[in-house]
């Protein structure tokens, strides 16, 4: 069994799916569904400028009875941009951040993921799911139920 140091870089998802602030809400919603994920880092020229979550998109996306039909909702989602729903300057960690520290940030701020940034560039994302997966793996290797 390979001994881990317990750093974010060992557990994070590399090369996360991203969007730009100028992409439409529809494109962002489609990416979330296609890749079965809950958040998208918002990147401009490789630099992280924000994050948009499925919850953010649901909060700004139109619904009945404000809009009469699916066509009207589709039009709105196609014309509205990610910039209108994203959280700018999100909380981030580095690849060298201890996993315990990342887990504490996730718990304290009640977020599902943290973008991983090195030298100002997005290099990954670590989520609650990633940390739970490691927890399960470690317990199974230790023979715990």
C-alpha atoms as a PDB file:
ATOM      1  CA  UNK A   1       0.000   0.000   0.000  1.00  0.00           C
ATOM      2  CA  UNK A   2       1.381   3.401  -1.033  1.00  0.00           C
ATOM      3  CA  UNK A   3       1.555   5.813   1.896  1.00  0.00           C
ATOM      4  CA  UNK A   4      -0.068   9.181   1.175  1.00  0.00           C
ATOM      5  CA  UNK A   5       1.065  12.462   2.661  1.00  0.00           C
ATOM      6  CA  UNK A   6      -2.497  13.699   2.888  1.00  0.00           C
ATOM      7  CA  UNK A   7      -2.188  16.601   0.466  1.00  0.00           C
ATOM      8  CA  UNK A   8      -4.859  18.009  -1.838  1.00  0.00           C
ATOM      9  CA  UNK A   9      -2.793  17.154  -4.940  1.00  0.00           C
ATOM     10  CA  UNK A  10      -3.076  13.424  -4.141  1.00  0.00           C
ATOM     11  CA  UNK A  11      -6.877  13.403  -4.050  1.00  0.00           C
ATOM     12  CA  UNK A  12      -8.063  16.305  -6.238  1.00  0.00           C
ATOM     13  CA  UNK A  13      -9.651  15.902  -9.619  1.00  0.00           C
ATOM     14  CA  UNK A  14      -7.185  17.066 -12.255  1.00  0.00           C
ATOM     15  CA  UNK A  15      -8.266  19.060 -15.325  1.00  0.00           C
ATOM     16  CA  UNK A  16     -11.769  19.962 -14.124  1.00  0.00           C
ATOM     17  CA  UNK A  17     -14.515  20.884 -16.559  1.00  0.00           C
ATOM     18  CA  UNK A  18     -14.676  24.679 -16.745  1.00  0.00           C
ATOM     19  CA  UNK A  19     -16.703  27.493 -18.287  1.00  0.00           C
ATOM     20  CA  UNK A  20     -16.021  31.116 -19.155  1.00  0.00           C
ATOM     21  CA  UNK A  21     -18.067  33.999 -17.815  1.00  0.00           C
ATOM     22  CA  UNK A  22     -19.454  34.634 -21.318  1.00  0.00           C
ATOM     23  CA  UNK A  23     -20.918  31.167 -21.799  1.00  0.00           C
ATOM     24  CA  UNK A  24     -24.668  30.834 -21.472  1.00  0.00           C
ATOM     25  CA  UNK A  25     -26.509  29.401 -18.495  1.00  0.00           C
ATOM     26  CA  UNK A  26     -27.793  26.716 -20.869  1.00  0.00           C
ATOM     27  CA  UNK A  27     -24.225  25.633 -21.728  1.00  0.00           C
ATOM     28  CA  UNK A  28     -23.304  25.510 -18.038  1.00  0.00           C
ATOM     29  CA  UNK A  29     -26.414  23.485 -17.172  1.00  0.00           C
ATOM     30  CA  UNK A  30     -25.680  21.090 -20.031  1.00  0.00           C
ATOM     31  CA  UNK A  31     -22.072  20.572 -18.831  1.00  0.00           C
ATOM     32  CA  UNK A  32     -23.205  19.870 -15.279  1.00  0.00           C
ATOM     33  CA  UNK A  33     -25.696  17.275 -16.504  1.00  0.00           C
ATOM     34  CA  UNK A  34     -23.376  15.677 -19.057  1.00  0.00           C
ATOM     35  CA  UNK A  35     -20.523  15.217 -16.578  1.00  0.00           C
ATOM     36  CA  UNK A  36     -22.695  14.561 -13.495  1.00  0.00           C
ATOM     37  CA  UNK A  37     -21.008  17.319 -11.488  1.00  0.00           C
ATOM     38  CA  UNK A  38     -22.304  20.112  -9.268  1.00  0.00           C
ATOM     39  CA  UNK A  39     -19.913  22.979  -9.866  1.00  0.00           C
ATOM     40  CA  UNK A  40     -17.889  24.579 -12.622  1.00  0.00           C
ATOM     41  CA  UNK A  41     -14.838  26.768 -12.119  1.00  0.00           C
ATOM     42  CA  UNK A  42     -15.113  29.930 -14.218  1.00  0.00           C
ATOM     43  CA  UNK A  43     -11.824  30.577 -16.022  1.00  0.00           C
ATOM     44  CA  UNK A  44     -10.559  33.377 -18.262  1.00  0.00           C
ATOM     45  CA  UNK A  45      -7.181  32.803 -19.985  1.00  0.00           C
ATOM     46  CA  UNK A  46      -6.349  30.005 -17.524  1.00  0.00           C
ATOM     47  CA  UNK A  47      -7.010  32.196 -14.494  1.00  0.00           C
ATOM     48  CA  UNK A  48      -9.768  31.330 -12.064  1.00  0.00           C
ATOM     49  CA  UNK A  49     -12.223  34.211 -11.757  1.00  0.00           C
ATOM     50  CA  UNK A  50     -15.174  32.480 -10.115  1.00  0.00           C
ATOM     51  CA  UNK A  51     -17.218  29.350  -9.582  1.00  0.00           C
ATOM     52  CA  UNK A  52     -20.785  28.534 -10.542  1.00  0.00           C
ATOM     53  CA  UNK A  53     -22.772  25.736  -8.937  1.00  0.00           C
ATOM     54  CA  UNK A  54     -25.922  23.893  -9.870  1.00  0.00           C
ATOM     55  CA  UNK A  55     -27.619  25.755  -7.031  1.00  0.00           C
ATOM     56  CA  UNK A  56     -26.464  29.153  -8.367  1.00  0.00           C
ATOM     57  CA  UNK A  57     -27.865  28.268 -11.775  1.00  0.00           C
ATOM     58  CA  UNK A  58     -31.190  27.081 -10.356  1.00  0.00           C
ATOM     59  CA  UNK A  59     -31.551  30.312  -8.390  1.00  0.00           C
ATOM     60  CA  UNK A  60     -31.188  32.556 -11.441  1.00  0.00           C
ATOM     61  CA  UNK A  61     -32.834  30.254 -13.961  1.00  0.00           C
ATOM     62  CA  UNK A  62     -36.441  31.108 -14.774  1.00  0.00           C
ATOM     63  CA  UNK A  63     -39.298  28.815 -13.892  1.00  0.00           C
ATOM     64  CA  UNK A  64     -43.049  28.629 -13.938  1.00  0.00           C
ATOM     65  CA  UNK A  65     -45.183  30.692 -13.390  1.00  0.00           C
ATOM     66  CA  UNK A  66     -42.880  33.627 -14.219  1.00  0.00           C
ATOM     67  CA  UNK A  67     -42.333  32.255 -17.704  1.00  0.00           C
ATOM     68  CA  UNK A  68     -45.157  30.836 -19.750  1.00  0.00           C
ATOM     69  CA  UNK A  69     -43.525  27.876 -21.452  1.00  0.00           C
ATOM     70  CA  UNK A  70     -40.363  25.843 -22.045  1.00  0.00           C
ATOM     71  CA  UNK A  71     -39.461  27.880 -25.124  1.00  0.00           C
ATOM     72  CA  UNK A  72     -39.402  31.097 -23.152  1.00  0.00           C
ATOM     73  CA  UNK A  73     -37.278  29.481 -20.425  1.00  0.00           C
ATOM     74  CA  UNK A  74     -34.888  28.046 -23.039  1.00  0.00           C
ATOM     75  CA  UNK A  75     -34.527  31.483 -24.647  1.00  0.00           C
ATOM     76  CA  UNK A  76     -33.722  33.092 -21.295  1.00  0.00           C
ATOM     77  CA  UNK A  77     -31.136  30.415 -20.358  1.00  0.00           C
ATOM     78  CA  UNK A  78     -29.486  30.686 -23.749  1.00  0.00           C
ATOM     79  CA  UNK A  79     -29.139  34.469 -23.550  1.00  0.00           C
ATOM     80  CA  UNK A  80     -28.177  34.886 -19.914  1.00  0.00           C
ATOM     81  CA  UNK A  81     -24.447  34.491 -19.160  1.00  0.00           C
ATOM     82  CA  UNK A  82     -22.581  32.552 -16.469  1.00  0.00           C
ATOM     83  CA  UNK A  83     -21.253  35.883 -15.132  1.00  0.00           C
ATOM     84  CA  UNK A  84     -24.737  36.639 -13.801  1.00  0.00           C
ATOM     85  CA  UNK A  85     -24.797  33.507 -11.627  1.00  0.00           C
ATOM     86  CA  UNK A  86     -21.185  32.875 -10.592  1.00  0.00           C
ATOM     87  CA  UNK A  87     -19.519  33.623  -7.288  1.00  0.00           C
ATOM     88  CA  UNK A  88     -16.453  35.751  -8.069  1.00  0.00           C
ATOM     89  CA  UNK A  89     -13.119  35.164  -6.321  1.00  0.00           C
ATOM     90  CA  UNK A  90     -14.044  31.857  -4.672  1.00  0.00           C
ATOM     91  CA  UNK A  91     -12.256  30.291  -1.741  1.00  0.00           C
ATOM     92  CA  UNK A  92      -9.329  28.234  -3.103  1.00  0.00           C
ATOM     93  CA  UNK A  93      -6.594  25.871  -1.930  1.00  0.00           C
ATOM     94  CA  UNK A  94      -3.186  24.959  -3.331  1.00  0.00           C
ATOM     95  CA  UNK A  95      -2.083  21.453  -4.346  1.00  0.00           C
ATOM     96  CA  UNK A  96       0.117  21.409  -1.213  1.00  0.00           C
ATOM     97  CA  UNK A  97      -2.731  22.178   1.190  1.00  0.00           C
ATOM     98  CA  UNK A  98      -3.189  19.365   3.739  1.00  0.00           C
ATOM     99  CA  UNK A  99      -6.411  17.416   3.124  1.00  0.00           C
ATOM    100  CA  UNK A 100      -7.521  18.021   6.707  1.00  0.00           C
ATOM    101  CA  UNK A 101      -7.314  21.777   6.123  1.00  0.00           C
ATOM    102  CA  UNK A 102      -9.293  21.474   2.874  1.00  0.00           C
ATOM    103  CA  UNK A 103     -11.917  19.344   4.647  1.00  0.00           C
ATOM    104  CA  UNK A 104     -12.209  21.950   7.413  1.00  0.00           C
ATOM    105  CA  UNK A 105     -12.742  24.693   4.807  1.00  0.00           C
ATOM    106  CA  UNK A 106     -15.429  22.635   3.057  1.00  0.00           C
ATOM    107  CA  UNK A 107     -17.179  22.045   6.374  1.00  0.00           C
ATOM    108  CA  UNK A 108     -16.788  25.571   7.778  1.00  0.00           C
ATOM    109  CA  UNK A 109     -18.005  27.363   4.658  1.00  0.00           C
ATOM    110  CA  UNK A 110     -20.544  24.674   3.714  1.00  0.00           C
ATOM    111  CA  UNK A 111     -19.341  24.401   0.127  1.00  0.00           C
ATOM    112  CA  UNK A 112     -19.115  21.239  -1.944  1.00  0.00           C
ATOM    113  CA  UNK A 113     -15.796  21.922  -3.620  1.00  0.00           C
ATOM    114  CA  UNK A 114     -12.702  24.092  -3.675  1.00  0.00           C
ATOM    115  CA  UNK A 115     -10.803  25.057  -6.810  1.00  0.00           C
ATOM    116  CA  UNK A 116      -7.114  24.139  -6.605  1.00  0.00           C
ATOM    117  CA  UNK A 117      -4.841  26.933  -7.802  1.00  0.00           C
ATOM    118  CA  UNK A 118      -1.084  27.028  -8.351  1.00  0.00           C
ATOM    119  CA  UNK A 119       0.717  30.188  -9.482  1.00  0.00           C
ATOM    120  CA  UNK A 120      -2.642  31.790 -10.225  1.00  0.00           C
ATOM    121  CA  UNK A 121      -3.725  28.987 -12.566  1.00  0.00           C
ATOM    122  CA  UNK A 122      -6.486  26.445 -12.002  1.00  0.00           C
ATOM    123  CA  UNK A 123      -4.909  22.979 -11.710  1.00  0.00           C
ATOM    124  CA  UNK A 124      -7.749  20.963 -10.216  1.00  0.00           C
ATOM    125  CA  UNK A 125     -10.737  20.843  -7.914  1.00  0.00           C
ATOM    126  CA  UNK A 126     -11.266  18.992  -4.653  1.00  0.00           C
ATOM    127  CA  UNK A 127     -14.759  18.092  -3.547  1.00  0.00           C
ATOM    128  CA  UNK A 128     -16.518  16.570  -0.585  1.00  0.00           C
ATOM    129  CA  UNK A 129     -17.016  13.503  -2.804  1.00  0.00           C
ATOM    130  CA  UNK A 130     -13.237  13.217  -3.397  1.00  0.00           C
ATOM    131  CA  UNK A 131     -12.513  13.333   0.335  1.00  0.00           C
ATOM    132  CA  UNK A 132     -15.286  10.851   1.177  1.00  0.00           C
ATOM    133  CA  UNK A 133     -13.930   8.505  -1.513  1.00  0.00           C
ATOM    134  CA  UNK A 134     -10.503   8.607   0.117  1.00  0.00           C
ATOM    135  CA  UNK A 135     -12.055   7.974   3.537  1.00  0.00           C
ATOM    136  CA  UNK A 136     -13.891   4.904   2.231  1.00  0.00           C
ATOM    137  CA  UNK A 137     -10.759   3.616   0.447  1.00  0.00           C
ATOM    138  CA  UNK A 138      -8.609   3.993   3.575  1.00  0.00           C
ATOM    139  CA  UNK A 139     -11.156   2.232   5.766  1.00  0.00           C
ATOM    140  CA  UNK A 140     -11.546  -0.641   3.310  1.00  0.00           C
ATOM    141  CA  UNK A 141      -7.748  -1.060   3.123  1.00  0.00           C
ATOM    142  CA  UNK A 142      -7.630  -1.139   6.926  1.00  0.00           C
ATOM    143  CA  UNK A 143     -10.277  -3.869   6.924  1.00  0.00           C
ATOM    144  CA  UNK A 144     -12.854  -1.724   8.684  1.00  0.00           C
ATOM    145  CA  UNK A 145     -16.525  -2.261   7.905  1.00  0.00           C
END
